[in-house]
Amino acid sequence: MIHPEPTQMEEGQPGESHKERVDRELGELLQGLRVAVTGVQVLFAFLLTVPFAPGFTKVDSLGRWLFFIALLSAALASVCFITPATQHRLLFRTGLKEKMLHRANEIGVVGAIGLAISMTSSVALVAETVINAWPAALFGGIVALTSAWLWFIQPIIDLYRIKHQKDVK
């Protein structure tokens, strides 16, 4: 996992104590996960109904694998996005808030990977069922590349640039 340098992580808002910074950052993280969990739960709920649809029997072997990958990765993403709130409740007033913050950040990244895989597989499944296999690979690839670029590659590039700027100074 790529993390900013400790000195960067310790910088907070002007006049903000370490405890206040951790409280604020955990609140911001949990709020972001609330948005993500809603989306992944809608996708997961929809996927749970798909096998019971009359047309599902017509889905070929590739489509069934795409469905299973989409379902499993949506379940994984749901678990990951719900985990920080659950752990926050279980570890309430234990003095482990900063540890929860770091753990929640890492688990949130795993959840985002699961969501990207589920969305990619879902789009590929629909395209494979409606059109055929090569457009499925194309459309799934577009979703995979877009989510990889926006969710992971751009932030990693930013982290690299921040680190490089600190090293130059």
Protein backbone atom coordinates (compact mmCIF):
# COMPACT_ATOMS: atom_id res chain seq x y z
CA MET A 1 0.00 0.00 0.00
CA ILE A 2 1.36 3.44 -0.90
CA HIS A 3 1.11 6.04 1.86
CA PRO A 4 2.29 9.64 2.11
CA GLU A 5 5.32 10.33 4.26
CA PRO A 6 4.52 10.48 8.01
CA THR A 7 5.21 14.22 8.12
CA GLN A 8 2.60 14.78 5.42
CA MET A 9 0.08 12.67 7.30
CA GLU A 10 0.67 14.64 10.49
CA GLU A 11 -0.15 17.97 8.87
CA GLY A 12 -3.70 18.99 9.66
CA GLN A 13 -5.85 22.08 9.48
CA PRO A 14 -4.43 25.24 11.07
CA GLY A 15 -4.80 25.04 14.86
CA GLU A 16 -5.94 21.41 14.68
CA SER A 17 -4.61 18.98 17.28
CA HIS A 18 -3.52 15.45 16.38
CA LYS A 19 -6.69 14.03 17.95
CA GLU A 20 -8.89 16.52 16.08
CA ARG A 21 -7.15 15.63 12.81
CA VAL A 22 -7.72 11.90 13.34
CA ASP A 23 -11.37 12.54 14.25
CA ARG A 24 -11.88 14.69 11.14
CA GLU A 25 -10.11 12.27 8.81
CA LEU A 26 -12.04 9.27 10.13
CA GLY A 27 -15.31 11.18 9.72
CA GLU A 28 -14.38 12.14 6.16
CA LEU A 29 -13.42 8.56 5.34
CA LEU A 30 -16.62 7.11 6.79
CA GLN A 31 -18.68 9.67 4.85
CA GLY A 32 -16.95 8.70 1.61
CA LEU A 33 -17.58 5.04 2.32
CA ARG A 34 -21.29 5.76 2.90
CA VAL A 35 -21.50 6.99 -0.68
CA ALA A 36 -19.61 3.98 -2.05
CA VAL A 37 -21.55 1.42 -0.01
CA THR A 38 -24.87 2.65 -1.38
CA GLY A 39 -23.72 2.14 -4.96
CA VAL A 40 -22.20 -1.27 -4.37
CA GLN A 41 -25.25 -2.48 -2.44
CA VAL A 42 -27.59 -1.51 -5.29
CA LEU A 43 -25.34 -3.40 -7.71
CA PHE A 44 -25.07 -6.39 -5.35
CA ALA A 45 -28.84 -6.53 -4.78
CA PHE A 46 -29.47 -6.42 -8.52
CA LEU A 47 -26.95 -9.18 -9.14
CA LEU A 48 -28.62 -11.37 -6.50
CA THR A 49 -31.83 -11.30 -8.56
CA VAL A 50 -30.26 -12.09 -11.95
CA PRO A 51 -30.18 -15.93 -11.67
CA PHE A 52 -33.92 -15.92 -10.98
CA ALA A 53 -34.75 -14.02 -14.16
CA PRO A 54 -36.30 -16.19 -16.89
CA GLY A 55 -33.60 -15.37 -19.45
CA PHE A 56 -30.69 -16.40 -17.23
CA THR A 57 -30.95 -20.00 -18.47
CA LYS A 58 -29.87 -18.72 -21.91
CA VAL A 59 -26.61 -17.26 -20.56
CA ASP A 60 -23.63 -19.27 -21.81
CA SER A 61 -20.65 -20.51 -19.79
CA LEU A 62 -18.64 -17.29 -20.25
CA GLY A 63 -21.63 -15.23 -19.14
CA ARG A 64 -22.09 -17.39 -16.06
CA TRP A 65 -18.44 -16.90 -15.11
CA LEU A 66 -18.75 -13.15 -15.65
CA PHE A 67 -21.87 -13.18 -13.47
CA PHE A 68 -20.15 -15.11 -10.70
CA ILE A 69 -17.12 -12.78 -10.77
CA ALA A 70 -19.42 -9.74 -10.65
CA LEU A 71 -21.45 -11.19 -7.77
CA LEU A 72 -18.44 -12.29 -5.72
CA SER A 73 -16.56 -9.01 -6.18
CA ALA A 74 -19.69 -6.98 -5.31
CA ALA A 75 -20.03 -9.04 -2.12
CA LEU A 76 -16.34 -8.43 -1.32
CA ALA A 77 -16.74 -4.69 -1.96
CA SER A 78 -19.83 -4.58 0.28
CA VAL A 79 -17.99 -6.29 3.11
CA CYS A 80 -15.00 -3.96 2.73
CA PHE A 81 -17.10 -0.77 2.62
CA ILE A 82 -19.17 -1.81 5.66
CA THR A 83 -16.16 -3.00 7.71
CA PRO A 84 -14.90 0.43 8.92
CA ALA A 85 -18.29 1.42 10.37
CA THR A 86 -18.67 -1.97 12.05
CA GLN A 87 -15.16 -1.85 13.50
CA HIS A 88 -15.74 1.72 14.64
CA ARG A 89 -18.76 0.54 16.63
CA LEU A 90 -16.94 -2.46 18.09
CA LEU A 91 -13.80 -0.51 19.00
CA PHE A 92 -15.65 2.56 20.33
CA ARG A 93 -13.68 4.33 23.09
CA THR A 94 -10.71 1.97 22.97
CA GLY A 95 -8.17 4.60 21.91
CA LEU A 96 -7.62 2.84 18.58
CA LYS A 97 -9.14 5.51 16.34
CA GLU A 98 -5.93 6.25 14.44
CA LYS A 99 -5.36 2.53 13.85
CA MET A 100 -8.97 2.25 12.63
CA LEU A 101 -8.37 5.19 10.27
CA HIS A 102 -5.37 3.55 8.61
CA ARG A 103 -7.07 0.14 8.46
CA ALA A 104 -10.28 1.65 7.05
CA ASN A 105 -8.29 3.43 4.36
CA GLU A 106 -6.63 0.20 3.24
CA ILE A 107 -9.87 -1.80 3.41
CA GLY A 108 -11.60 0.95 1.42
CA VAL A 109 -9.03 0.56 -1.36
CA VAL A 110 -9.67 -3.21 -1.44
CA GLY A 111 -13.40 -2.44 -1.63
CA ALA A 112 -12.83 -0.06 -4.54
CA ILE A 113 -10.90 -2.79 -6.37
CA GLY A 114 -13.80 -5.19 -5.76
CA LEU A 115 -16.29 -2.61 -7.02
CA ALA A 116 -14.22 -1.97 -10.16
CA ILE A 117 -14.06 -5.72 -10.86
CA SER A 118 -17.81 -6.10 -10.28
CA MET A 119 -18.69 -3.18 -12.56
CA THR A 120 -16.31 -4.43 -15.24
CA SER A 121 -17.72 -7.97 -15.08
CA SER A 122 -21.32 -6.72 -15.04
CA VAL A 123 -20.80 -4.58 -18.14
CA ALA A 124 -19.00 -7.44 -19.89
CA LEU A 125 -21.81 -9.85 -18.95
CA VAL A 126 -24.50 -7.59 -20.38
CA ALA A 127 -22.50 -6.93 -23.56
CA GLU A 128 -21.69 -10.64 -23.98
CA THR A 129 -25.35 -11.58 -23.53
CA VAL A 130 -26.80 -8.85 -25.74
CA ILE A 131 -24.12 -8.64 -28.46
CA ASN A 132 -21.23 -11.18 -28.25
CA ALA A 133 -17.82 -11.83 -26.71
CA TRP A 134 -15.54 -9.30 -28.42
CA PRO A 135 -17.67 -6.23 -27.62
CA ALA A 136 -17.93 -7.59 -24.08
CA ALA A 137 -14.15 -7.54 -23.81
CA LEU A 138 -14.04 -4.03 -25.29
CA PHE A 139 -16.74 -2.52 -23.05
CA GLY A 140 -15.49 -4.34 -19.97
CA GLY A 141 -11.99 -3.13 -20.77
CA ILE A 142 -13.19 0.46 -21.05
CA VAL A 143 -14.79 0.25 -17.59
CA ALA A 144 -11.69 -1.45 -16.14
CA LEU A 145 -9.28 1.10 -17.61
CA THR A 146 -11.42 4.08 -16.64
CA SER A 147 -11.83 2.96 -13.03
CA ALA A 148 -8.15 2.00 -12.81
CA TRP A 149 -7.08 5.41 -14.12
CA LEU A 150 -9.45 7.55 -12.06
CA TRP A 151 -9.48 5.58 -8.82
CA PHE A 152 -5.91 4.27 -8.59
CA ILE A 153 -3.37 5.45 -11.17
CA GLN A 154 -4.02 9.21 -10.89
CA PRO A 155 -3.80 9.22 -7.07
CA ILE A 156 -0.64 7.08 -7.16
CA ILE A 157 0.91 9.53 -9.63
CA ASP A 158 -0.03 12.39 -7.28
CA LEU A 159 1.60 10.57 -4.34
CA TYR A 160 4.74 9.99 -6.41
CA ARG A 161 4.87 13.68 -7.38
CA ILE A 162 4.41 14.80 -3.76
CA LYS A 163 7.21 12.48 -2.64
CA HIS A 164 9.46 13.58 -5.50
CA GLN A 165 8.87 17.28 -4.70
CA LYS A 166 9.76 16.66 -1.03
CA ASP A 167 12.95 14.82 -2.07
CA VAL A 168 14.03 17.69 -4.37
CA LYS A 169 13.62 20.34 -1.65
